[in-house]
Amino acid sequence: MEKRTGRPWNWHSLVSFYLLFASIVLLISGVALFVAPSGRAARTLDWSLLGLDKEQWEAIHTLFGYLTTVFGLYHLVLNWKVLLNYLRDRARRAYRLRAELVVALLLTILVVGGSAASVPPFSTVMDWGESLKGSWDQSSALPSTTVVVEEEHDDEGSSVGWGRFTVEEICAQEGVPVDEGIARLAAYGIQAEPTSRIRDLADATEYEPGDLVDILKGMEPGTHEEE
């Protein structure tokens, strides 16, 4: 009787299927983080999407990003010969595709440069993300001391949201030297520049905008909540 053997394991299929599924997960998690509220606002609102909170989405996006990089490199190793043959063949045909090659290269440079320079239409996408986060910030469900609806009142009684101001603007308003203000932030592990927006610093840390203003004033974070 002929002995039947199992099908041999196919690493190419495993890597290909993983990259497909990982791309879907990264797409979903990327969208989730794009529209998620910032900092403590997510916890205050108890925000979630598809049953997962912001920290869970961040963990999923980060870990899948690392694993996708590893599997992507392994995919190159498995298909190295095929890739080399493909590149040699393309190189021989490159002279017939000069226009397409130049356009593809220019498009890549345009996207990288435009994103880094934060100019339209690239900055429009980021501004749209900020407006989505701002919609969470302005939610009436948030108490007045939370990250994004935090407001301070000036002598005339009008309210001003701290998030839209830069470090140097807050320092000028409070009569604090900019270098001293930046040094105070650094003492709390917050790296900032004079043109850094308070909202951006809050998004990058676990501090509220009001907490950051307290630090710039030389006070303990949270002092504004006691006033």
N, C-alpha and C. Protein backbone atom coordinates (compact mmCIF):
# COMPACT_ATOMS: atom_id res chain seq x y z
N MET A 1 0.84 -1.18 0.00
CA MET A 1 0.00 0.00 0.00
C MET A 1 0.88 1.23 0.00
N GLU A 2 0.48 2.19 -0.81
CA GLU A 2 1.26 3.41 -0.90
C GLU A 2 0.94 4.31 0.29
N LYS A 3 1.96 4.75 0.94
CA LYS A 3 1.78 5.60 2.12
C LYS A 3 1.56 7.04 1.69
N ARG A 4 0.48 7.63 2.21
CA ARG A 4 0.15 8.99 1.84
C ARG A 4 0.86 9.97 2.78
N THR A 5 1.45 10.93 2.22
CA THR A 5 2.17 11.93 3.01
C THR A 5 1.40 13.25 2.99
N GLY A 6 1.57 14.03 4.07
CA GLY A 6 0.89 15.32 4.15
C GLY A 6 1.52 16.34 3.22
N ARG A 7 0.76 17.36 2.92
CA ARG A 7 1.26 18.42 2.06
C ARG A 7 2.36 19.19 2.78
N PRO A 8 3.47 19.47 2.13
CA PRO A 8 4.55 20.22 2.77
C PRO A 8 4.11 21.66 3.11
N TRP A 9 4.69 22.18 4.18
CA TRP A 9 4.35 23.53 4.63
C TRP A 9 4.82 24.56 3.61
N ASN A 10 3.96 25.52 3.30
CA ASN A 10 4.26 26.53 2.30
C ASN A 10 4.47 27.89 2.98
N TRP A 11 5.74 28.27 3.18
CA TRP A 11 6.06 29.52 3.85
C TRP A 11 5.65 30.73 3.01
N HIS A 12 5.75 30.60 1.69
CA HIS A 12 5.36 31.71 0.83
C HIS A 12 3.89 32.08 1.05
N SER A 13 3.03 31.06 1.15
CA SER A 13 1.61 31.31 1.36
C SER A 13 1.35 31.91 2.73
N LEU A 14 2.05 31.38 3.75
CA LEU A 14 1.89 31.91 5.10
C LEU A 14 2.21 33.40 5.14
N VAL A 15 3.36 33.79 4.58
CA VAL A 15 3.78 35.19 4.61
C VAL A 15 2.81 36.06 3.81
N SER A 16 2.40 35.57 2.64
CA SER A 16 1.49 36.35 1.79
C SER A 16 0.15 36.58 2.48
N PHE A 17 -0.41 35.52 3.08
CA PHE A 17 -1.69 35.66 3.77
C PHE A 17 -1.56 36.60 4.98
N TYR A 18 -0.44 36.47 5.72
CA TYR A 18 -0.27 37.35 6.88
C TYR A 18 -0.20 38.81 6.44
N LEU A 19 0.58 39.09 5.40
CA LEU A 19 0.71 40.47 4.93
C LEU A 19 -0.65 41.03 4.48
N LEU A 20 -1.47 40.18 3.88
CA LEU A 20 -2.81 40.61 3.47
C LEU A 20 -3.64 40.99 4.69
N PHE A 21 -3.70 40.07 5.68
CA PHE A 21 -4.51 40.32 6.87
C PHE A 21 -3.95 41.49 7.68
N ALA A 22 -2.64 41.59 7.77
CA ALA A 22 -2.01 42.66 8.54
C ALA A 22 -2.30 44.02 7.90
N SER A 23 -2.32 44.06 6.58
CA SER A 23 -2.62 45.32 5.89
C SER A 23 -4.03 45.79 6.21
N ILE A 24 -4.96 44.85 6.30
CA ILE A 24 -6.34 45.19 6.65
C ILE A 24 -6.41 45.71 8.08
N VAL A 25 -5.72 45.03 9.00
CA VAL A 25 -5.72 45.45 10.41
C VAL A 25 -5.07 46.83 10.55
N LEU A 26 -3.95 47.06 9.86
CA LEU A 26 -3.28 48.36 9.94
C LEU A 26 -4.13 49.48 9.36
N LEU A 27 -4.89 49.16 8.32
CA LEU A 27 -5.78 50.16 7.74
C LEU A 27 -6.86 50.55 8.74
N ILE A 28 -7.47 49.56 9.37
CA ILE A 28 -8.54 49.83 10.33
C ILE A 28 -8.00 50.56 11.56
N SER A 29 -6.87 50.08 12.10
CA SER A 29 -6.30 50.71 13.29
C SER A 29 -5.82 52.12 12.99
N GLY A 30 -5.30 52.33 11.77
CA GLY A 30 -4.87 53.67 11.38
C GLY A 30 -6.03 54.64 11.34
N VAL A 31 -7.16 54.20 10.79
CA VAL A 31 -8.35 55.05 10.76
C VAL A 31 -8.85 55.32 12.18
N ALA A 32 -8.82 54.29 13.02
CA ALA A 32 -9.28 54.44 14.41
C ALA A 32 -8.46 55.49 15.15
N LEU A 33 -7.15 55.44 14.99
CA LEU A 33 -6.28 56.40 15.67
C LEU A 33 -6.39 57.79 15.05
N PHE A 34 -6.71 57.84 13.77
CA PHE A 34 -6.85 59.14 13.09
C PHE A 34 -8.03 59.92 13.63
N VAL A 35 -9.13 59.21 13.94
CA VAL A 35 -10.35 59.89 14.40
C VAL A 35 -10.47 59.89 15.92
N ALA A 36 -9.57 59.21 16.63
CA ALA A 36 -9.68 59.11 18.08
C ALA A 36 -9.40 60.44 18.76
N PRO A 37 -10.06 60.71 19.88
CA PRO A 37 -9.75 61.92 20.65
C PRO A 37 -8.35 61.82 21.24
N SER A 38 -7.81 62.94 21.70
CA SER A 38 -6.44 62.97 22.17
C SER A 38 -6.34 62.89 23.68
N GLY A 39 -5.16 62.39 24.13
CA GLY A 39 -4.81 62.41 25.55
C GLY A 39 -5.88 61.84 26.46
N ARG A 40 -6.08 62.55 27.59
CA ARG A 40 -7.02 62.08 28.60
C ARG A 40 -8.47 62.17 28.16
N ALA A 41 -8.72 62.93 27.10
CA ALA A 41 -10.10 63.05 26.61
C ALA A 41 -10.67 61.69 26.24
N ALA A 42 -9.83 60.82 25.66
CA ALA A 42 -10.29 59.49 25.28
C ALA A 42 -10.75 58.70 26.51
N ARG A 43 -10.00 58.84 27.61
CA ARG A 43 -10.37 58.12 28.83
C ARG A 43 -11.56 58.78 29.52
N THR A 44 -11.61 60.12 29.47
CA THR A 44 -12.73 60.81 30.10
C THR A 44 -14.05 60.48 29.40
N LEU A 45 -14.00 60.41 28.07
CA LEU A 45 -15.19 60.07 27.29
C LEU A 45 -15.46 58.57 27.26
N ASP A 46 -14.47 57.79 27.77
CA ASP A 46 -14.55 56.33 27.66
C ASP A 46 -14.74 55.94 26.20
N TRP A 47 -13.94 56.59 25.33
CA TRP A 47 -14.06 56.40 23.89
C TRP A 47 -13.63 55.00 23.48
N SER A 48 -14.34 54.45 22.53
CA SER A 48 -13.96 53.14 21.99
C SER A 48 -14.50 53.02 20.57
N LEU A 49 -13.89 52.13 19.81
CA LEU A 49 -14.33 51.84 18.45
C LEU A 49 -14.23 50.34 18.25
N LEU A 50 -15.32 49.74 17.85
CA LEU A 50 -15.40 48.28 17.69
C LEU A 50 -15.04 47.56 18.98
N GLY A 51 -15.39 48.20 20.10
CA GLY A 51 -15.16 47.58 21.40
C GLY A 51 -13.76 47.75 21.96
N LEU A 52 -12.89 48.49 21.28
CA LEU A 52 -11.51 48.69 21.73
C LEU A 52 -11.27 50.16 22.01
N ASP A 53 -10.56 50.44 23.14
CA ASP A 53 -10.27 51.83 23.45
C ASP A 53 -9.01 52.29 22.72
N LYS A 54 -8.62 53.55 22.93
CA LYS A 54 -7.51 54.14 22.19
C LYS A 54 -6.20 53.42 22.46
N GLU A 55 -5.92 53.10 23.73
CA GLU A 55 -4.67 52.43 24.07
C GLU A 55 -4.58 51.06 23.41
N GLN A 56 -5.70 50.36 23.33
CA GLN A 56 -5.70 49.05 22.66
C GLN A 56 -5.43 49.19 21.16
N TRP A 57 -6.04 50.22 20.54
CA TRP A 57 -5.78 50.45 19.12
C TRP A 57 -4.33 50.82 18.88
N GLU A 58 -3.75 51.62 19.79
CA GLU A 58 -2.34 51.99 19.66
C GLU A 58 -1.44 50.77 19.74
N ALA A 59 -1.76 49.87 20.69
CA ALA A 59 -0.97 48.64 20.84
C ALA A 59 -1.08 47.76 19.60
N ILE A 60 -2.30 47.61 19.09
CA ILE A 60 -2.50 46.80 17.88
C ILE A 60 -1.74 47.39 16.70
N HIS A 61 -1.86 48.70 16.51
CA HIS A 61 -1.21 49.35 15.36
C HIS A 61 0.31 49.23 15.45
N THR A 62 0.84 49.44 16.65
CA THR A 62 2.30 49.38 16.83
C THR A 62 2.84 47.97 16.61
N LEU A 63 2.23 46.99 17.25
CA LEU A 63 2.73 45.61 17.16
C LEU A 63 2.57 45.04 15.75
N PHE A 64 1.44 45.34 15.12
CA PHE A 64 1.26 44.85 13.75
C PHE A 64 2.23 45.55 12.81
N GLY A 65 2.56 46.80 13.10
CA GLY A 65 3.55 47.50 12.28
C GLY A 65 4.91 46.83 12.36
N TYR A 66 5.33 46.48 13.58
CA TYR A 66 6.62 45.79 13.76
C TYR A 66 6.61 44.43 13.07
N LEU A 67 5.55 43.65 13.31
CA LEU A 67 5.49 42.31 12.72
C LEU A 67 5.41 42.35 11.20
N THR A 68 4.70 43.33 10.68
CA THR A 68 4.60 43.46 9.22
C THR A 68 5.96 43.78 8.62
N THR A 69 6.76 44.57 9.32
CA THR A 69 8.12 44.86 8.85
C THR A 69 8.95 43.58 8.81
N VAL A 70 8.85 42.78 9.86
CA VAL A 70 9.61 41.52 9.92
C VAL A 70 9.16 40.58 8.81
N PHE A 71 7.85 40.41 8.66
CA PHE A 71 7.34 39.51 7.63
C PHE A 71 7.65 40.05 6.24
N GLY A 72 7.63 41.38 6.09
CA GLY A 72 7.96 41.96 4.80
C GLY A 72 9.40 41.67 4.40
N LEU A 73 10.32 41.79 5.36
CA LEU A 73 11.72 41.46 5.08
C LEU A 73 11.89 39.98 4.75
N TYR A 74 11.17 39.13 5.50
CA TYR A 74 11.23 37.69 5.23
C TYR A 74 10.66 37.37 3.86
N HIS A 75 9.64 38.11 3.47
CA HIS A 75 9.05 37.93 2.14
C HIS A 75 10.08 38.25 1.05
N LEU A 76 10.89 39.27 1.27
CA LEU A 76 11.95 39.61 0.32
C LEU A 76 12.99 38.49 0.24
N VAL A 77 13.31 37.92 1.39
CA VAL A 77 14.28 36.81 1.42
C VAL A 77 13.75 35.62 0.65
N LEU A 78 12.49 35.27 0.88
CA LEU A 78 11.90 34.11 0.21
C LEU A 78 11.82 34.30 -1.30
N ASN A 79 11.63 35.55 -1.72
CA ASN A 79 11.44 35.82 -3.15
C ASN A 79 12.61 36.60 -3.75
N TRP A 80 13.80 36.44 -3.16
CA TRP A 80 14.96 37.22 -3.58
C TRP A 80 15.31 36.99 -5.06
N LYS A 81 15.33 35.73 -5.46
CA LYS A 81 15.70 35.42 -6.84
C LYS A 81 14.67 35.97 -7.82
N VAL A 82 13.40 35.79 -7.46
CA VAL A 82 12.33 36.31 -8.32
C VAL A 82 12.43 37.82 -8.42
N LEU A 83 12.72 38.47 -7.29
CA LEU A 83 12.83 39.92 -7.27
C LEU A 83 14.00 40.40 -8.12
N LEU A 84 15.14 39.73 -8.01
CA LEU A 84 16.31 40.12 -8.80
C LEU A 84 16.04 39.97 -10.29
N ASN A 85 15.42 38.85 -10.66
CA ASN A 85 15.10 38.65 -12.08
C ASN A 85 14.13 39.72 -12.57
N TYR A 86 13.18 40.08 -11.71
CA TYR A 86 12.21 41.11 -12.08
C TYR A 86 12.91 42.46 -12.28
N LEU A 87 13.83 42.79 -11.36
CA LEU A 87 14.54 44.06 -11.46
C LEU A 87 15.44 44.10 -12.70
N ARG A 88 16.08 42.97 -13.01
CA ARG A 88 16.93 42.92 -14.21
C ARG A 88 16.08 43.13 -15.46
N ASP A 89 14.92 42.48 -15.47
CA ASP A 89 14.04 42.61 -16.62
C ASP A 89 13.54 44.04 -16.76
N ARG A 90 13.19 44.66 -15.62
CA ARG A 90 12.72 46.04 -15.65
C ARG A 90 13.83 46.99 -16.06
N ALA A 91 15.04 46.68 -15.61
CA ALA A 91 16.17 47.55 -15.97
C ALA A 91 16.38 47.55 -17.48
N ARG A 92 16.20 46.38 -18.10
CA ARG A 92 16.36 46.30 -19.56
C ARG A 92 15.27 47.08 -20.28
N ARG A 93 14.11 47.18 -19.63
CA ARG A 93 13.00 47.89 -20.27
C ARG A 93 12.90 49.35 -19.83
N ALA A 94 13.76 49.76 -18.92
CA ALA A 94 13.64 51.09 -18.32
C ALA A 94 13.69 52.20 -19.36
N TYR A 95 14.50 52.00 -20.40
CA TYR A 95 14.63 53.06 -21.40
C TYR A 95 13.32 53.33 -22.10
N ARG A 96 12.41 52.35 -22.10
CA ARG A 96 11.10 52.56 -22.74
C ARG A 96 10.08 53.15 -21.76
N LEU A 97 10.45 53.22 -20.47
CA LEU A 97 9.52 53.72 -19.46
C LEU A 97 10.09 54.92 -18.72
N ARG A 98 10.90 55.70 -19.41
CA ARG A 98 11.57 56.82 -18.74
C ARG A 98 10.55 57.81 -18.17
N ALA A 99 9.53 58.13 -18.93
CA ALA A 99 8.54 59.11 -18.47
C ALA A 99 7.83 58.62 -17.21
N GLU A 100 7.39 57.35 -17.22
CA GLU A 100 6.70 56.79 -16.07
C GLU A 100 7.61 56.76 -14.84
N LEU A 101 8.88 56.42 -15.06
CA LEU A 101 9.84 56.37 -13.96
C LEU A 101 10.03 57.75 -13.34
N VAL A 102 10.17 58.76 -14.19
CA VAL A 102 10.38 60.12 -13.69
C VAL A 102 9.15 60.61 -12.93
N VAL A 103 7.95 60.35 -13.47
CA VAL A 103 6.72 60.78 -12.82
C VAL A 103 6.57 60.10 -11.46
N ALA A 104 6.86 58.79 -11.40
CA ALA A 104 6.76 58.05 -10.14
C ALA A 104 7.73 58.61 -9.10
N LEU A 105 8.95 58.92 -9.54
CA LEU A 105 9.96 59.47 -8.64
C LEU A 105 9.53 60.86 -8.14
N LEU A 106 9.06 61.70 -9.06
CA LEU A 106 8.63 63.04 -8.69
C LEU A 106 7.42 63.00 -7.75
N LEU A 107 6.52 62.06 -8.00
CA LEU A 107 5.35 61.92 -7.13
C LEU A 107 5.77 61.54 -5.71
N THR A 108 6.74 60.63 -5.61
CA THR A 108 7.24 60.23 -4.29
C THR A 108 7.87 61.41 -3.57
N ILE A 109 8.71 62.16 -4.28
CA ILE A 109 9.36 63.33 -3.69
C ILE A 109 8.32 64.37 -3.28
N LEU A 110 7.29 64.55 -4.12
CA LEU A 110 6.25 65.53 -3.84
C LEU A 110 5.50 65.18 -2.56
N VAL A 111 5.13 63.91 -2.40
CA VAL A 111 4.38 63.50 -1.21
C VAL A 111 5.23 63.65 0.05
N VAL A 112 6.49 63.19 -0.02
CA VAL A 112 7.37 63.31 1.15
C VAL A 112 7.62 64.77 1.50
N GLY A 113 7.98 65.58 0.48
CA GLY A 113 8.26 66.98 0.72
C GLY A 113 7.03 67.76 1.17
N GLY A 114 5.90 67.50 0.53
CA GLY A 114 4.67 68.20 0.89
C GLY A 114 4.20 67.87 2.29
N SER A 115 4.36 66.61 2.68
CA SER A 115 3.97 66.20 4.03
C SER A 115 4.88 66.83 5.07
N ALA A 116 6.19 66.84 4.80
CA ALA A 116 7.14 67.42 5.74
C ALA A 116 6.95 68.93 5.87
N ALA A 117 6.64 69.59 4.75
CA ALA A 117 6.47 71.04 4.75
C ALA A 117 5.08 71.46 5.22
N SER A 118 4.18 70.50 5.35
CA SER A 118 2.81 70.76 5.80
C SER A 118 2.12 71.82 4.94
N VAL A 119 2.09 71.54 3.63
CA VAL A 119 1.42 72.45 2.69
C VAL A 119 0.23 71.71 2.06
N PRO A 120 -0.80 72.46 1.63
CA PRO A 120 -1.94 71.83 0.97
C PRO A 120 -1.51 71.11 -0.30
N PRO A 121 -2.18 70.02 -0.68
CA PRO A 121 -3.32 69.42 0.02
C PRO A 121 -2.93 68.44 1.13
N PHE A 122 -1.64 68.25 1.35
CA PHE A 122 -1.19 67.29 2.36
C PHE A 122 -1.57 67.74 3.76
N SER A 123 -1.39 69.04 4.03
CA SER A 123 -1.74 69.56 5.35
C SER A 123 -3.25 69.50 5.58
N THR A 124 -4.02 69.51 4.48
CA THR A 124 -5.48 69.46 4.61
C THR A 124 -5.93 68.17 5.28
N VAL A 125 -5.25 67.08 4.94
CA VAL A 125 -5.59 65.79 5.56
C VAL A 125 -5.35 65.85 7.06
N MET A 126 -4.19 66.40 7.46
CA MET A 126 -3.87 66.51 8.88
C MET A 126 -4.82 67.49 9.59
N ASP A 127 -5.17 68.58 8.91
CA ASP A 127 -6.11 69.54 9.49
C ASP A 127 -7.47 68.89 9.70
N TRP A 128 -7.84 68.03 8.76
CA TRP A 128 -9.12 67.31 8.89
C TRP A 128 -9.08 66.42 10.12
N GLY A 129 -7.93 65.75 10.33
CA GLY A 129 -7.79 64.93 11.52
C GLY A 129 -7.88 65.76 12.79
N GLU A 130 -7.28 66.97 12.76
CA GLU A 130 -7.36 67.85 13.92
C GLU A 130 -8.79 68.29 14.19
N SER A 131 -9.53 68.54 13.12
CA SER A 131 -10.93 68.97 13.30
C SER A 131 -11.77 67.84 13.88
N LEU A 132 -11.45 66.59 13.47
CA LEU A 132 -12.16 65.45 14.05
C LEU A 132 -11.87 65.33 15.53
N LYS A 133 -10.59 65.49 15.89
CA LYS A 133 -10.22 65.45 17.31
C LYS A 133 -10.87 66.61 18.06
N GLY A 134 -10.93 67.77 17.38
CA GLY A 134 -11.53 68.94 18.02
C GLY A 134 -13.01 68.74 18.30
N SER A 135 -13.68 67.94 17.44
CA SER A 135 -15.10 67.69 17.67
C SER A 135 -15.31 66.90 18.96
N TRP A 136 -14.33 66.01 19.26
CA TRP A 136 -14.40 65.31 20.54
C TRP A 136 -14.13 66.30 21.68
N ASP A 137 -13.17 67.20 21.42
CA ASP A 137 -12.76 68.15 22.44
C ASP A 137 -13.91 69.06 22.86
N GLN A 138 -14.78 69.39 21.91
CA GLN A 138 -15.86 70.33 22.18
C GLN A 138 -17.14 69.63 22.65
N SER A 139 -17.02 68.32 22.85
CA SER A 139 -18.20 67.56 23.25
C SER A 139 -18.71 68.03 24.61
N SER A 140 -19.99 68.21 24.72
CA SER A 140 -20.57 68.67 25.98
C SER A 140 -20.48 67.62 27.07
N ALA A 141 -20.13 66.38 26.69
CA ALA A 141 -20.01 65.33 27.69
C ALA A 141 -18.77 65.51 28.54
N LEU A 142 -17.81 66.34 28.06
CA LEU A 142 -16.57 66.55 28.81
C LEU A 142 -16.76 67.64 29.85
N PRO A 143 -16.30 67.39 31.10
CA PRO A 143 -16.30 68.46 32.08
C PRO A 143 -15.30 69.54 31.71
N SER A 144 -15.41 70.71 32.32
CA SER A 144 -14.60 71.85 31.91
C SER A 144 -13.12 71.68 32.17
N THR A 145 -12.71 70.70 32.98
CA THR A 145 -11.30 70.55 33.32
C THR A 145 -10.60 69.52 32.48
N THR A 146 -11.27 68.96 31.47
CA THR A 146 -10.63 67.93 30.68
C THR A 146 -9.76 68.51 29.60
N VAL A 147 -9.10 67.60 28.84
CA VAL A 147 -8.05 68.01 27.93
C VAL A 147 -8.48 69.08 26.96
N VAL A 148 -9.61 68.87 26.30
CA VAL A 148 -9.88 69.71 25.15
C VAL A 148 -10.90 70.78 25.32
N VAL A 149 -11.74 70.70 26.34
CA VAL A 149 -12.65 71.80 26.55
C VAL A 149 -12.16 72.70 27.66
N GLU A 150 -10.94 72.50 28.07
CA GLU A 150 -10.32 73.31 29.11
C GLU A 150 -10.30 74.77 28.68
N GLU A 151 -10.84 75.65 29.49
CA GLU A 151 -10.87 77.05 29.15
C GLU A 151 -10.44 77.89 30.35
N GLU A 152 -9.79 78.99 30.07
CA GLU A 152 -9.44 79.96 31.08
C GLU A 152 -10.14 81.27 30.72
N HIS A 153 -10.51 82.02 31.71
CA HIS A 153 -11.22 83.27 31.48
C HIS A 153 -10.31 84.45 31.74
N ASP A 154 -10.31 85.40 30.79
CA ASP A 154 -9.50 86.59 30.99
C ASP A 154 -10.27 87.62 31.81
N ASP A 155 -9.67 88.77 32.03
CA ASP A 155 -10.26 89.77 32.91
C ASP A 155 -11.59 90.30 32.38
N GLU A 156 -11.82 90.19 31.08
CA GLU A 156 -13.05 90.71 30.50
C GLU A 156 -14.15 89.67 30.47
N GLY A 157 -13.82 88.44 30.96
CA GLY A 157 -14.84 87.42 31.06
C GLY A 157 -14.94 86.52 29.86
N SER A 158 -14.15 86.77 28.80
CA SER A 158 -14.22 85.90 27.63
C SER A 158 -13.37 84.68 27.85
N SER A 159 -13.70 83.58 27.21
CA SER A 159 -12.96 82.33 27.39
C SER A 159 -12.04 82.07 26.22
N VAL A 160 -10.88 81.52 26.53
CA VAL A 160 -9.89 81.26 25.51
C VAL A 160 -9.39 79.83 25.65
N GLY A 161 -9.46 79.03 24.59
CA GLY A 161 -8.94 77.67 24.64
C GLY A 161 -7.43 77.69 24.51
N TRP A 162 -6.73 77.10 25.50
CA TRP A 162 -5.27 77.15 25.49
C TRP A 162 -4.67 76.37 24.32
N GLY A 163 -5.33 75.31 23.86
CA GLY A 163 -4.73 74.42 22.88
C GLY A 163 -4.24 75.07 21.60
N ARG A 164 -4.89 76.14 21.17
CA ARG A 164 -4.53 76.73 19.88
C ARG A 164 -3.34 77.68 19.96
N PHE A 165 -2.85 77.98 21.18
CA PHE A 165 -1.71 78.88 21.33
C PHE A 165 -0.39 78.12 21.29
N THR A 166 0.67 78.84 20.93
CA THR A 166 2.01 78.25 20.95
C THR A 166 2.66 78.53 22.31
N VAL A 167 3.79 77.88 22.55
CA VAL A 167 4.52 78.07 23.80
C VAL A 167 4.92 79.53 23.97
N GLU A 168 5.46 80.12 22.89
CA GLU A 168 5.92 81.51 23.00
C GLU A 168 4.77 82.47 23.21
N GLU A 169 3.59 82.16 22.67
CA GLU A 169 2.43 83.02 22.88
C GLU A 169 1.96 82.97 24.32
N ILE A 170 1.96 81.76 24.90
CA ILE A 170 1.56 81.63 26.30
C ILE A 170 2.57 82.34 27.20
N CYS A 171 3.86 82.16 26.88
CA CYS A 171 4.90 82.80 27.68
C CYS A 171 4.78 84.32 27.62
N ALA A 172 4.50 84.85 26.43
CA ALA A 172 4.34 86.29 26.28
C ALA A 172 3.13 86.79 27.07
N GLN A 173 2.06 86.00 27.04
CA GLN A 173 0.83 86.37 27.75
C GLN A 173 1.03 86.35 29.26
N GLU A 174 1.85 85.40 29.73
CA GLU A 174 2.06 85.25 31.17
C GLU A 174 3.31 85.97 31.67
N GLY A 175 4.05 86.61 30.76
CA GLY A 175 5.24 87.32 31.16
C GLY A 175 6.39 86.42 31.56
N VAL A 176 6.47 85.26 30.91
CA VAL A 176 7.53 84.29 31.21
C VAL A 176 8.51 84.25 30.04
N PRO A 177 9.82 84.36 30.29
CA PRO A 177 10.79 84.21 29.20
C PRO A 177 10.63 82.86 28.51
N VAL A 178 10.68 82.88 27.20
CA VAL A 178 10.44 81.65 26.44
C VAL A 178 11.42 80.54 26.83
N ASP A 179 12.70 80.87 26.95
CA ASP A 179 13.70 79.87 27.31
C ASP A 179 13.40 79.25 28.67
N GLU A 180 12.95 80.09 29.59
CA GLU A 180 12.62 79.58 30.92
C GLU A 180 11.40 78.66 30.86
N GLY A 181 10.41 79.05 30.04
CA GLY A 181 9.23 78.21 29.89
C GLY A 181 9.56 76.86 29.30
N ILE A 182 10.42 76.85 28.29
CA ILE A 182 10.82 75.59 27.66
C ILE A 182 11.61 74.73 28.65
N ALA A 183 12.44 75.37 29.47
CA ALA A 183 13.20 74.64 30.48
C ALA A 183 12.26 74.02 31.52
N ARG A 184 11.21 74.74 31.87
CA ARG A 184 10.24 74.20 32.82
C ARG A 184 9.53 72.97 32.25
N LEU A 185 9.19 73.03 30.98
CA LEU A 185 8.56 71.87 30.33
C LEU A 185 9.54 70.70 30.29
N ALA A 186 10.81 70.99 29.96
CA ALA A 186 11.82 69.93 29.88
C ALA A 186 12.00 69.23 31.21
N ALA A 187 11.81 69.96 32.32
CA ALA A 187 11.94 69.36 33.65
C ALA A 187 10.89 68.29 33.89
N TYR A 188 9.80 68.36 33.13
CA TYR A 188 8.75 67.34 33.21
C TYR A 188 8.84 66.34 32.06
N GLY A 189 9.97 66.36 31.37
CA GLY A 189 10.18 65.42 30.27
C GLY A 189 9.45 65.78 29.00
N ILE A 190 9.07 67.05 28.84
CA ILE A 190 8.33 67.51 27.67
C ILE A 190 9.25 68.31 26.77
N GLN A 191 9.53 67.80 25.59
CA GLN A 191 10.39 68.49 24.63
C GLN A 191 9.54 69.44 23.79
N ALA A 192 9.90 70.70 23.80
CA ALA A 192 9.09 71.69 23.10
C ALA A 192 9.97 72.75 22.44
N GLU A 193 9.40 73.40 21.44
CA GLU A 193 10.03 74.53 20.77
C GLU A 193 9.14 75.75 20.99
N PRO A 194 9.67 76.95 20.77
CA PRO A 194 8.84 78.15 20.95
C PRO A 194 7.56 78.12 20.12
N THR A 195 7.64 77.49 18.93
CA THR A 195 6.46 77.47 18.04
C THR A 195 5.57 76.24 18.25
N SER A 196 5.89 75.41 19.24
CA SER A 196 5.06 74.22 19.51
C SER A 196 3.70 74.64 20.03
N ARG A 197 2.65 74.03 19.46
CA ARG A 197 1.30 74.33 19.92
C ARG A 197 1.01 73.56 21.20
N ILE A 198 0.26 74.18 22.11
CA ILE A 198 -0.09 73.53 23.37
C ILE A 198 -0.89 72.25 23.10
N ARG A 199 -1.79 72.29 22.12
CA ARG A 199 -2.58 71.09 21.80
C ARG A 199 -1.68 69.96 21.32
N ASP A 200 -0.69 70.27 20.49
CA ASP A 200 0.21 69.24 19.99
C ASP A 200 1.01 68.61 21.13
N LEU A 201 1.44 69.45 22.08
CA LEU A 201 2.18 68.93 23.23
C LEU A 201 1.28 68.06 24.09
N ALA A 202 0.03 68.46 24.23
CA ALA A 202 -0.92 67.66 25.01
C ALA A 202 -1.18 66.32 24.34
N ASP A 203 -1.26 66.33 23.00
CA ASP A 203 -1.48 65.09 22.26
C ASP A 203 -0.32 64.12 22.43
N ALA A 204 0.89 64.68 22.56
CA ALA A 204 2.09 63.86 22.65
C ALA A 204 2.39 63.42 24.08
N THR A 205 1.67 63.96 25.06
CA THR A 205 1.89 63.63 26.45
C THR A 205 0.57 63.27 27.11
N GLU A 206 0.64 63.01 28.40
CA GLU A 206 -0.58 62.72 29.14
C GLU A 206 -1.05 63.95 29.92
N TYR A 207 -0.50 65.11 29.59
CA TYR A 207 -0.89 66.35 30.27
C TYR A 207 -2.02 67.05 29.51
N GLU A 208 -2.87 67.73 30.26
CA GLU A 208 -3.90 68.56 29.67
C GLU A 208 -3.29 69.89 29.23
N PRO A 209 -3.93 70.60 28.30
CA PRO A 209 -3.43 71.93 27.93
C PRO A 209 -3.28 72.84 29.14
N GLY A 210 -4.26 72.80 30.05
CA GLY A 210 -4.18 73.63 31.24
C GLY A 210 -2.99 73.25 32.13
N ASP A 211 -2.68 71.94 32.18
CA ASP A 211 -1.51 71.49 32.95
C ASP A 211 -0.22 72.07 32.37
N LEU A 212 -0.13 72.08 31.05
CA LEU A 212 1.06 72.61 30.39
C LEU A 212 1.22 74.10 30.65
N VAL A 213 0.08 74.81 30.66
CA VAL A 213 0.13 76.24 30.97
C VAL A 213 0.58 76.45 32.42
N ASP A 214 0.10 75.59 33.32
CA ASP A 214 0.55 75.66 34.72
C ASP A 214 2.07 75.51 34.80
N ILE A 215 2.61 74.55 34.06
CA ILE A 215 4.06 74.30 34.08
C ILE A 215 4.80 75.53 33.55
N LEU A 216 4.30 76.11 32.47
CA LEU A 216 4.94 77.30 31.91
C LEU A 216 4.92 78.47 32.91
N LYS A 217 3.89 78.51 33.74
CA LYS A 217 3.79 79.57 34.75
C LYS A 217 4.70 79.31 35.94
N GLY A 218 5.26 78.07 36.01
CA GLY A 218 6.09 77.73 37.15
C GLY A 218 5.31 77.10 38.29
N MET A 219 4.09 76.62 37.97
CA MET A 219 3.25 76.00 38.99
C MET A 219 3.17 74.50 38.76
N GLU A 220 2.61 73.80 39.74
CA GLU A 220 2.42 72.36 39.61
C GLU A 220 1.28 72.08 38.63
N PRO A 221 1.42 71.04 37.79
CA PRO A 221 0.32 70.68 36.89
C PRO A 221 -0.95 70.40 37.68
N GLY A 222 -2.06 70.92 37.21
CA GLY A 222 -3.33 70.72 37.88
C GLY A 222 -3.73 71.86 38.79
N THR A 223 -2.84 72.85 38.96
CA THR A 223 -3.15 73.99 39.82
C THR A 223 -4.39 74.74 39.33
N HIS A 224 -4.54 74.80 37.99
CA HIS A 224 -5.68 75.53 37.43
C HIS A 224 -7.01 74.93 37.85
N GLU A 225 -7.00 73.62 38.16
CA GLU A 225 -8.25 72.97 38.54
C GLU A 225 -8.68 73.37 39.95
N GLU A 226 -7.75 73.87 40.74
CA GLU A 226 -8.06 74.23 42.11
C GLU A 226 -8.50 75.68 42.24
N GLU A 227 -8.32 76.44 41.14
CA GLU A 227 -8.64 77.86 41.21
C GLU A 227 -10.14 78.10 41.00
